PDB file of N, CA and C in Angstrom:
ATOM      1  N   PHE A   1     -92.258 -83.869 -40.978  1.00  0.00           N
ATOM      2  CA  PHE A   1     -91.498 -83.402 -39.850  1.00  0.00           C
ATOM      3  C   PHE A   1     -91.120 -81.976 -39.933  1.00  0.00           C
ATOM      4  N   THR A   2     -92.068 -81.175 -40.273  1.00  0.00           N
ATOM      5  CA  THR A   2     -91.842 -79.642 -40.417  1.00  0.00           C
ATOM      6  C   THR A   2     -91.399 -79.037 -39.111  1.00  0.00           C
ATOM      7  N   PHE A   3     -91.793 -79.726 -37.998  1.00  0.00           N
ATOM      8  CA  PHE A   3     -91.539 -79.143 -36.649  1.00  0.00           C
ATOM      9  C   PHE A   3     -90.207 -79.622 -36.062  1.00  0.00           C
ATOM     10  N   LEU A   4     -89.592 -80.626 -36.656  1.00  0.00           N
ATOM     11  CA  LEU A   4     -88.375 -81.232 -36.020  1.00  0.00           C
ATOM     12  C   LEU A   4     -87.133 -80.785 -36.648  1.00  0.00           C
ATOM     13  N   LYS A   5     -86.185 -80.325 -35.812  1.00  0.00           N
ATOM     14  CA  LYS A   5     -84.907 -79.834 -36.252  1.00  0.00           C
ATOM     15  C   LYS A   5     -83.869 -80.901 -36.098  1.00  0.00           C
ATOM     16  N   SER A   6     -83.761 -81.560 -34.957  1.00  0.00           N
ATOM     17  CA  SER A   6     -82.836 -82.646 -34.719  1.00  0.00           C
ATOM     18  C   SER A   6     -83.376 -83.655 -33.712  1.00  0.00           C
ATOM     19  N   ILE A   7     -82.887 -84.835 -33.733  1.00  0.00           N
ATOM     20  CA  ILE A   7     -83.141 -85.919 -32.815  1.00  0.00           C
ATOM     21  C   ILE A   7     -81.940 -86.714 -32.432  1.00  0.00           C
ATOM     22  N   HIS A   8     -81.905 -87.043 -31.173  1.00  0.00           N
ATOM     23  CA  HIS A   8     -80.771 -87.884 -30.610  1.00  0.00           C
ATOM     24  C   HIS A   8     -81.387 -88.926 -29.755  1.00  0.00           C
ATOM     25  N   LEU A   9     -80.916 -90.249 -29.931  1.00  0.00           N
ATOM     26  CA  LEU A   9     -81.364 -91.296 -29.035  1.00  0.00           C
ATOM     27  C   LEU A   9     -80.260 -91.819 -28.240  1.00  0.00           C
ATOM     28  N   TYR A  10     -80.573 -92.187 -26.946  1.00  0.00           N
ATOM     29  CA  TYR A  10     -79.633 -92.631 -26.023  1.00  0.00           C
ATOM     30  C   TYR A  10     -80.114 -93.882 -25.416  1.00  0.00           C
ATOM     31  N   ILE A  11     -79.189 -94.792 -24.886  1.00  0.00           N
ATOM     32  CA  ILE A  11     -79.497 -96.042 -24.247  1.00  0.00           C
ATOM     33  C   ILE A  11     -78.826 -96.065 -22.855  1.00  0.00           C
ATOM     34  N   SER A  12     -79.481 -96.639 -21.895  1.00  0.00           N
ATOM     35  CA  SER A  12     -78.852 -96.878 -20.630  1.00  0.00           C
ATOM     36  C   SER A  12     -79.484 -98.046 -19.892  1.00  0.00           C
ATOM     37  N   THR A  13     -78.777 -98.565 -18.853  1.00  0.00           N
ATOM     38  CA  THR A  13     -79.326 -99.633 -18.022  1.00  0.00           C
ATOM     39  C   THR A  13     -79.014 -99.144 -16.549  1.00  0.00           C
ATOM     40  N   THR A  14     -79.496 -99.912 -15.615  1.00  0.00           N
ATOM     41  CA  THR A  14     -79.259 -99.539 -14.199  1.00  0.00           C
ATOM     42  C   THR A  14     -77.796 -99.752 -13.839  1.00  0.00           C
ATOM     43  N   ASP A  15     -77.149-100.536 -14.678  1.00  0.00           N
ATOM     44  CA  ASP A  15     -75.665-100.822 -14.311  1.00  0.00           C
ATOM     45  C   ASP A  15     -74.700-100.153 -15.306  1.00  0.00           C
ATOM     46  N   SER A  16     -75.199 -99.532 -16.295  1.00  0.00           N
ATOM     47  CA  SER A  16     -74.308 -98.925 -17.402  1.00  0.00           C
ATOM     48  C   SER A  16     -74.655 -97.478 -17.608  1.00  0.00           C
ATOM     49  N   ASN A  17     -73.678 -96.655 -17.872  1.00  0.00           N
ATOM     50  CA  ASN A  17     -73.863 -95.231 -18.110  1.00  0.00           C
ATOM     51  C   ASN A  17     -74.613 -95.084 -19.486  1.00  0.00           C
ATOM     52  N   GLU A  18     -75.297 -93.991 -19.605  1.00  0.00           N
ATOM     53  CA  GLU A  18     -76.040 -93.596 -20.836  1.00  0.00           C
ATOM     54  C   GLU A  18     -74.999 -93.315 -21.942  1.00  0.00           C
ATOM     55  N   ILE A  19     -75.291 -93.840 -23.135  1.00  0.00           N
ATOM     56  CA  ILE A  19     -74.518 -93.505 -24.312  1.00  0.00           C
ATOM     57  C   ILE A  19     -75.394 -93.184 -25.470  1.00  0.00           C
ATOM     58  N   GLU A  20     -74.894 -92.396 -26.424  1.00  0.00           N
ATOM     59  CA  GLU A  20     -75.708 -92.039 -27.515  1.00  0.00           C
ATOM     60  C   GLU A  20     -75.715 -93.222 -28.581  1.00  0.00           C
ATOM     61  N   LEU A  21     -76.921 -93.524 -29.006  1.00  0.00           N
ATOM     62  CA  LEU A  21     -77.158 -94.574 -30.031  1.00  0.00           C
ATOM     63  C   LEU A  21     -77.100 -94.108 -31.482  1.00  0.00           C
ATOM     64  N   ALA A  22     -77.896 -93.076 -31.658  1.00  0.00           N
ATOM     65  CA  ALA A  22     -78.070 -92.604 -33.108  1.00  0.00           C
ATOM     66  C   ALA A  22     -78.611 -91.106 -33.027  1.00  0.00           C
ATOM     67  N   TYR A  23     -78.487 -90.407 -34.181  1.00  0.00           N
ATOM     68  CA  TYR A  23     -78.892 -89.033 -34.234  1.00  0.00           C
ATOM     69  C   TYR A  23     -79.118 -88.580 -35.607  1.00  0.00           C
ATOM     70  N   LEU A  24     -79.823 -87.496 -35.763  1.00  0.00           N
ATOM     71  CA  LEU A  24     -79.971 -86.882 -37.083  1.00  0.00           C
ATOM     72  C   LEU A  24     -80.199 -85.352 -36.819  1.00  0.00           C
ATOM     73  N   ASP A  25     -79.374 -84.529 -37.473  1.00  0.00           N
ATOM     74  CA  ASP A  25     -79.473 -83.061 -37.376  1.00  0.00           C
ATOM     75  C   ASP A  25     -80.005 -82.503 -38.680  1.00  0.00           C
ATOM     76  N   ASN A  26     -80.472 -81.314 -38.637  1.00  0.00           N
ATOM     77  CA  ASN A  26     -81.007 -80.588 -39.874  1.00  0.00           C
ATOM     78  C   ASN A  26     -81.927 -81.442 -40.639  1.00  0.00           C
ATOM     79  N   ILE A  27     -82.988 -81.880 -39.984  1.00  0.00           N
ATOM     80  CA  ILE A  27     -83.962 -82.840 -40.572  1.00  0.00           C
ATOM     81  C   ILE A  27     -84.759 -82.038 -41.681  1.00  0.00           C
ATOM     82  N   ASN A  28     -84.867 -82.750 -42.800  1.00  0.00           N
ATOM     83  CA  ASN A  28     -85.636 -82.138 -43.905  1.00  0.00           C
ATOM     84  C   ASN A  28     -87.155 -82.033 -43.599  1.00  0.00           C
ATOM     85  N   SER A  29     -87.689 -80.888 -43.717  1.00  0.00           N
ATOM     86  CA  SER A  29     -89.064 -80.666 -43.279  1.00  0.00           C
ATOM     87  C   SER A  29     -90.084 -81.247 -44.322  1.00  0.00           C
ATOM     88  N   THR A  30     -89.665 -81.734 -45.392  1.00  0.00           N
ATOM     89  CA  THR A  30     -90.628 -82.264 -46.447  1.00  0.00           C
ATOM     90  C   THR A  30     -90.711 -83.786 -46.408  1.00  0.00           C
ATOM     91  N   THR A  31     -90.026 -84.457 -45.522  1.00  0.00           N
ATOM     92  CA  THR A  31     -90.102 -85.903 -45.401  1.00  0.00           C
ATOM     93  C   THR A  31     -91.122 -86.351 -44.415  1.00  0.00           C
ATOM     94  N   ASN A  32     -91.585 -87.589 -44.511  1.00  0.00           N
ATOM     95  CA  ASN A  32     -92.472 -88.123 -43.444  1.00  0.00           C
ATOM     96  C   ASN A  32     -91.819 -89.370 -42.808  1.00  0.00           C
ATOM     97  N   MET A  33     -90.522 -89.657 -43.126  1.00  0.00           N
ATOM     98  CA  MET A  33     -89.779 -90.757 -42.532  1.00  0.00           C
ATOM     99  C   MET A  33     -88.369 -90.294 -42.457  1.00  0.00           C
ATOM    100  N   ILE A  34     -87.744 -90.683 -41.350  1.00  0.00           N
ATOM    101  CA  ILE A  34     -86.297 -90.288 -41.151  1.00  0.00           C
ATOM    102  C   ILE A  34     -85.554 -91.499 -40.719  1.00  0.00           C
ATOM    103  N   GLU A  35     -84.223 -91.561 -41.093  1.00  0.00           N
ATOM    104  CA  GLU A  35     -83.431 -92.694 -40.793  1.00  0.00           C
ATOM    105  C   GLU A  35     -82.201 -92.050 -40.052  1.00  0.00           C
ATOM    106  N   LEU A  36     -81.991 -92.494 -38.747  1.00  0.00           N
ATOM    107  CA  LEU A  36     -80.968 -91.854 -37.980  1.00  0.00           C
ATOM    108  C   LEU A  36     -79.575 -92.407 -38.333  1.00  0.00           C
ATOM    109  N   ILE A  37     -78.541 -91.655 -37.930  1.00  0.00           N
ATOM    110  CA  ILE A  37     -77.191 -91.982 -38.203  1.00  0.00           C
ATOM    111  C   ILE A  37     -76.673 -92.737 -36.928  1.00  0.00           C
ATOM    112  N   SER A  38     -76.181 -93.968 -37.077  1.00  0.00           N
ATOM    113  CA  SER A  38     -75.699 -94.767 -35.943  1.00  0.00           C
ATOM    114  C   SER A  38     -74.384 -94.234 -35.434  1.00  0.00           C
ATOM    115  N   THR A  39     -74.238 -94.222 -34.143  1.00  0.00           N
ATOM    116  CA  THR A  39     -72.879 -93.883 -33.558  1.00  0.00           C
ATOM    117  C   THR A  39     -71.906 -95.063 -33.574  1.00  0.00           C
ATOM    118  N   ASN A  40     -72.390 -96.172 -33.909  1.00  0.00           N
ATOM    119  CA  ASN A  40     -71.589 -97.402 -33.945  1.00  0.00           C
ATOM    120  C   ASN A  40     -71.071 -97.796 -32.577  1.00  0.00           C
ATOM    121  N   ALA A  41     -71.690 -97.279 -31.530  1.00  0.00           N
ATOM    122  CA  ALA A  41     -71.295 -97.677 -30.167  1.00  0.00           C
ATOM    123  C   ALA A  41     -71.474 -99.158 -29.921  1.00  0.00           C
ATOM    124  N   ARG A  42     -70.571 -99.719 -29.124  1.00  0.00           N
ATOM    125  CA  ARG A  42     -70.769-101.136 -28.729  1.00  0.00           C
ATOM    126  C   ARG A  42     -71.851-101.239 -27.718  1.00  0.00           C
ATOM    127  N   LEU A  43     -72.836-102.117 -28.005  1.00  0.00           N
ATOM    128  CA  LEU A  43     -74.062-102.243 -27.231  1.00  0.00           C
ATOM    129  C   LEU A  43     -74.170-103.534 -26.435  1.00  0.00           C
ATOM    130  N   ASP A  44     -73.044-104.312 -26.386  1.00  0.00           N
ATOM    131  CA  ASP A  44     -73.087-105.611 -25.763  1.00  0.00           C
ATOM    132  C   ASP A  44     -73.787-105.584 -24.395  1.00  0.00           C
ATOM    133  N   GLN A  45     -73.202-104.771 -23.527  1.00  0.00           N
ATOM    134  CA  GLN A  45     -73.715-104.741 -22.103  1.00  0.00           C
ATOM    135  C   GLN A  45     -75.155-104.240 -21.995  1.00  0.00           C
ATOM    136  N   TYR A  46     -75.578-103.439 -23.010  1.00  0.00           N
ATOM    137  CA  TYR A  46     -76.982-102.928 -22.904  1.00  0.00           C
ATOM    138  C   TYR A  46     -78.031-103.986 -23.375  1.00  0.00           C
ATOM    139  N   VAL A  47     -77.732-104.620 -24.530  1.00  0.00           N
ATOM    140  CA  VAL A  47     -78.716-105.544 -25.009  1.00  0.00           C
ATOM    141  C   VAL A  47     -78.758-106.892 -24.276  1.00  0.00           C
ATOM    142  N   LYS A  48     -77.622-107.184 -23.486  1.00  0.00           N
ATOM    143  CA  LYS A  48     -77.577-108.341 -22.687  1.00  0.00           C
ATOM    144  C   LYS A  48     -78.286-108.115 -21.258  1.00  0.00           C
ATOM    145  N   ALA A  49     -78.551-106.882 -20.995  1.00  0.00           N
ATOM    146  CA  ALA A  49     -79.233-106.551 -19.718  1.00  0.00           C
ATOM    147  C   ALA A  49     -80.601-107.015 -19.633  1.00  0.00           C
ATOM    148  N   ASP A  50     -81.179-107.222 -18.496  1.00  0.00           N
ATOM    149  CA  ASP A  50     -82.571-107.650 -18.362  1.00  0.00           C
ATOM    150  C   ASP A  50     -83.509-106.679 -18.928  1.00  0.00           C
ATOM    151  N   LYS A  51     -83.169-105.393 -18.825  1.00  0.00           N
ATOM    152  CA  LYS A  51     -83.943-104.280 -19.471  1.00  0.00           C
ATOM    153  C   LYS A  51     -83.071-103.107 -19.654  1.00  0.00           C
ATOM    154  N   TYR A  52     -83.459-102.300 -20.614  1.00  0.00           N
ATOM    155  CA  TYR A  52     -82.673-101.062 -20.869  1.00  0.00           C
ATOM    156  C   TYR A  52     -83.696 -99.885 -21.152  1.00  0.00           C
ATOM    157  N   LYS A  53     -83.187 -98.692 -21.058  1.00  0.00           N
ATOM    158  CA  LYS A  53     -84.073 -97.531 -21.279  1.00  0.00           C
ATOM    159  C   LYS A  53     -83.559 -96.772 -22.470  1.00  0.00           C
ATOM    160  N   ILE A  54     -84.498 -96.326 -23.383  1.00  0.00           N
ATOM    161  CA  ILE A  54     -84.118 -95.507 -24.514  1.00  0.00           C
ATOM    162  C   ILE A  54     -84.757 -94.176 -24.187  1.00  0.00           C
ATOM    163  N   ARG A  55     -83.786 -93.127 -24.310  1.00  0.00           N
ATOM    164  CA  ARG A  55     -84.222 -91.719 -24.136  1.00  0.00           C
ATOM    165  C   ARG A  55     -84.075 -90.945 -25.458  1.00  0.00           C
ATOM    166  N   THR A  56     -84.996 -90.121 -25.707  1.00  0.00           N
ATOM    167  CA  THR A  56     -84.971 -89.283 -26.869  1.00  0.00           C
ATOM    168  C   THR A  56     -84.820 -87.850 -26.555  1.00  0.00           C
ATOM    169  N   GLN A  57     -83.936 -87.198 -27.234  1.00  0.00           N
ATOM    170  CA  GLN A  57     -83.830 -85.715 -27.023  1.00  0.00           C
ATOM    171  C   GLN A  57     -84.061 -85.064 -28.461  1.00  0.00           C
ATOM    172  N   VAL A  58     -84.990 -84.189 -28.485  1.00  0.00           N
ATOM    173  CA  VAL A  58     -85.375 -83.489 -29.798  1.00  0.00           C
ATOM    174  C   VAL A  58     -85.157 -81.994 -29.661  1.00  0.00           C
ATOM    175  N   THR A  59     -84.890 -81.397 -30.750  1.00  0.00           N
ATOM    176  CA  THR A  59     -84.904 -79.946 -30.862  1.00  0.00           C
ATOM    177  C   THR A  59     -85.970 -79.599 -31.917  1.00  0.00           C
ATOM    178  N   LEU A  60     -86.899 -78.724 -31.560  1.00  0.00           N
ATOM    179  CA  LEU A  60     -87.978 -78.302 -32.435  1.00  0.00           C
ATOM    180  C   LEU A  60     -87.622 -77.096 -33.251  1.00  0.00           C
ATOM    181  N   LYS A  61     -88.215 -76.978 -34.429  1.00  0.00           N
ATOM    182  CA  LYS A  61     -88.206 -75.766 -35.265  1.00  0.00           C
ATOM    183  C   LYS A  61     -89.199 -74.721 -34.904  1.00  0.00           C
ATOM    184  N   GLU A  62     -90.318 -75.311 -34.294  1.00  0.00           N
ATOM    185  CA  GLU A  62     -91.470 -74.466 -34.038  1.00  0.00           C
ATOM    186  C   GLU A  62     -92.241 -75.002 -32.754  1.00  0.00           C
ATOM    187  N   THR A  63     -93.051 -74.184 -32.189  1.00  0.00           N
ATOM    188  CA  THR A  63     -93.783 -74.608 -31.082  1.00  0.00           C
ATOM    189  C   THR A  63     -94.998 -75.462 -31.502  1.00  0.00           C
ATOM    190  N   LEU A  64     -95.228 -76.610 -30.833  1.00  0.00           N
ATOM    191  CA  LEU A  64     -96.327 -77.463 -31.213  1.00  0.00           C
ATOM    192  C   LEU A  64     -97.545 -77.060 -30.361  1.00  0.00           C
ATOM    193  N   THR A  65     -98.716 -77.050 -31.016  1.00  0.00           N
ATOM    194  CA  THR A  65    -100.015 -76.695 -30.332  1.00  0.00           C
ATOM    195  C   THR A  65    -100.920 -77.888 -30.193  1.00  0.00           C
ATOM    196  N   LYS A  66    -100.495 -79.004 -30.752  1.00  0.00           N
ATOM    197  CA  LYS A  66    -101.306 -80.239 -30.544  1.00  0.00           C
ATOM    198  C   LYS A  66    -100.449 -81.449 -30.403  1.00  0.00           C
ATOM    199  N   ASP A  67    -100.972 -82.555 -29.925  1.00  0.00           N
ATOM    200  CA  ASP A  67    -100.163 -83.778 -29.737  1.00  0.00           C
ATOM    201  C   ASP A  67     -99.739 -84.269 -31.004  1.00  0.00           C
ATOM    202  N   VAL A  68     -98.493 -84.888 -31.077  1.00  0.00           N
ATOM    203  CA  VAL A  68     -97.953 -85.572 -32.175  1.00  0.00           C
ATOM    204  C   VAL A  68     -97.653 -87.010 -31.846  1.00  0.00           C
ATOM    205  N   THR A  69     -98.114 -87.902 -32.679  1.00  0.00           N
ATOM    206  CA  THR A  69     -97.800 -89.349 -32.474  1.00  0.00           C
ATOM    207  C   THR A  69     -96.620 -89.767 -33.374  1.00  0.00           C
ATOM    208  N   VAL A  70     -95.622 -90.389 -32.860  1.00  0.00           N
ATOM    209  CA  VAL A  70     -94.484 -90.797 -33.628  1.00  0.00           C
ATOM    210  C   VAL A  70     -94.331 -92.310 -33.481  1.00  0.00           C
ATOM    211  N   LYS A  71     -94.183 -92.975 -34.591  1.00  0.00           N
ATOM    212  CA  LYS A  71     -94.017 -94.445 -34.594  1.00  0.00           C
ATOM    213  C   LYS A  71     -92.489 -94.655 -34.880  1.00  0.00           C
ATOM    214  N   ALA A  72     -91.932 -95.521 -34.063  1.00  0.00           N
ATOM    215  CA  ALA A  72     -90.443 -95.830 -34.229  1.00  0.00           C
ATOM    216  C   ALA A  72     -90.210 -97.324 -34.330  1.00  0.00           C
ATOM    217  N   ALA A  73     -89.295 -97.693 -35.237  1.00  0.00           N
ATOM    218  CA  ALA A  73     -88.847 -99.077 -35.377  1.00  0.00           C
ATOM    219  C   ALA A  73     -87.306 -99.082 -35.190  1.00  0.00           C
ATOM    220  N   MET A  74     -86.793 -99.939 -34.301  1.00  0.00           N
ATOM    221  CA  MET A  74     -85.370-100.002 -34.135  1.00  0.00           C
ATOM    222  C   MET A  74     -84.861-101.383 -34.490  1.00  0.00           C
ATOM    223  N   LYS A  75     -83.720-101.337 -35.155  1.00  0.00           N
ATOM    224  CA  LYS A  75     -83.081-102.623 -35.566  1.00  0.00           C
ATOM    225  C   LYS A  75     -81.647-102.570 -34.980  1.00  0.00           C
ATOM    226  N   PHE A  76     -81.256-103.731 -34.384  1.00  0.00           N
ATOM    227  CA  PHE A  76     -79.915-103.903 -33.860  1.00  0.00           C
ATOM    228  C   PHE A  76     -79.294-104.987 -34.634  1.00  0.00           C
ATOM    229  N   ARG A  77     -78.019-104.774 -35.049  1.00  0.00           N
ATOM    230  CA  ARG A  77     -77.277-105.805 -35.721  1.00  0.00           C
ATOM    231  C   ARG A  77     -76.352-106.453 -34.681  1.00  0.00           C
ATOM    232  N   VAL A  78     -76.355-107.784 -34.600  1.00  0.00           N
ATOM    233  CA  VAL A  78     -75.512-108.439 -33.626  1.00  0.00           C
ATOM    234  C   VAL A  78     -74.384-109.284 -34.359  1.00  0.00           C
ATOM    235  N   THR A  79     -73.231-109.113 -33.835  1.00  0.00           N
ATOM    236  CA  THR A  79     -72.111-109.859 -34.346  1.00  0.00           C
ATOM    237  C   THR A  79     -71.691-110.835 -33.291  1.00  0.00           C
ATOM    238  N   ALA A  80     -71.705-112.157 -33.510  1.00  0.00           N
ATOM    239  CA  ALA A  80     -71.378-113.133 -32.450  1.00  0.00           C
ATOM    240  C   ALA A  80     -69.909-113.518 -32.555  1.00  0.00           C
ATOM    241  N   ASP A  81     -69.353-113.582 -31.410  1.00  0.00           N
ATOM    242  CA  ASP A  81     -67.948-114.115 -31.275  1.00  0.00           C
ATOM    243  C   ASP A  81     -67.969-115.521 -30.865  1.00  0.00           C
ATOM    244  N   PRO A  82     -67.629-116.567 -31.676  1.00  0.00           N
ATOM    245  CA  PRO A  82     -67.802-117.953 -31.219  1.00  0.00           C
ATOM    246  C   PRO A  82     -66.814-118.384 -30.168  1.00  0.00           C
ATOM    247  N   PHE A  83     -65.785-117.580 -29.950  1.00  0.00           N
ATOM    248  CA  PHE A  83     -64.826-117.929 -28.881  1.00  0.00           C
ATOM    249  C   PHE A  83     -64.748-116.879 -27.875  1.00  0.00           C
TER     250      PHE A  83
END
């Protein structure tokens, strides 16, 4: 990730405002995997929706002259309230 300075992920639905999910600033250029910092936002209304949109905002350290493929895996932890 020599080209990547920071990344921020956002989630939204047609009925809910966009909120920040996770982020990472000052990304180490020698790594090939990054783990974002969760904002610990409540996601109930987002994950219960029929569909949601994830938006990514990145800041680059350098100009890219070729396409870059990024693979992402997201994990959500759910806490159920029985009552």
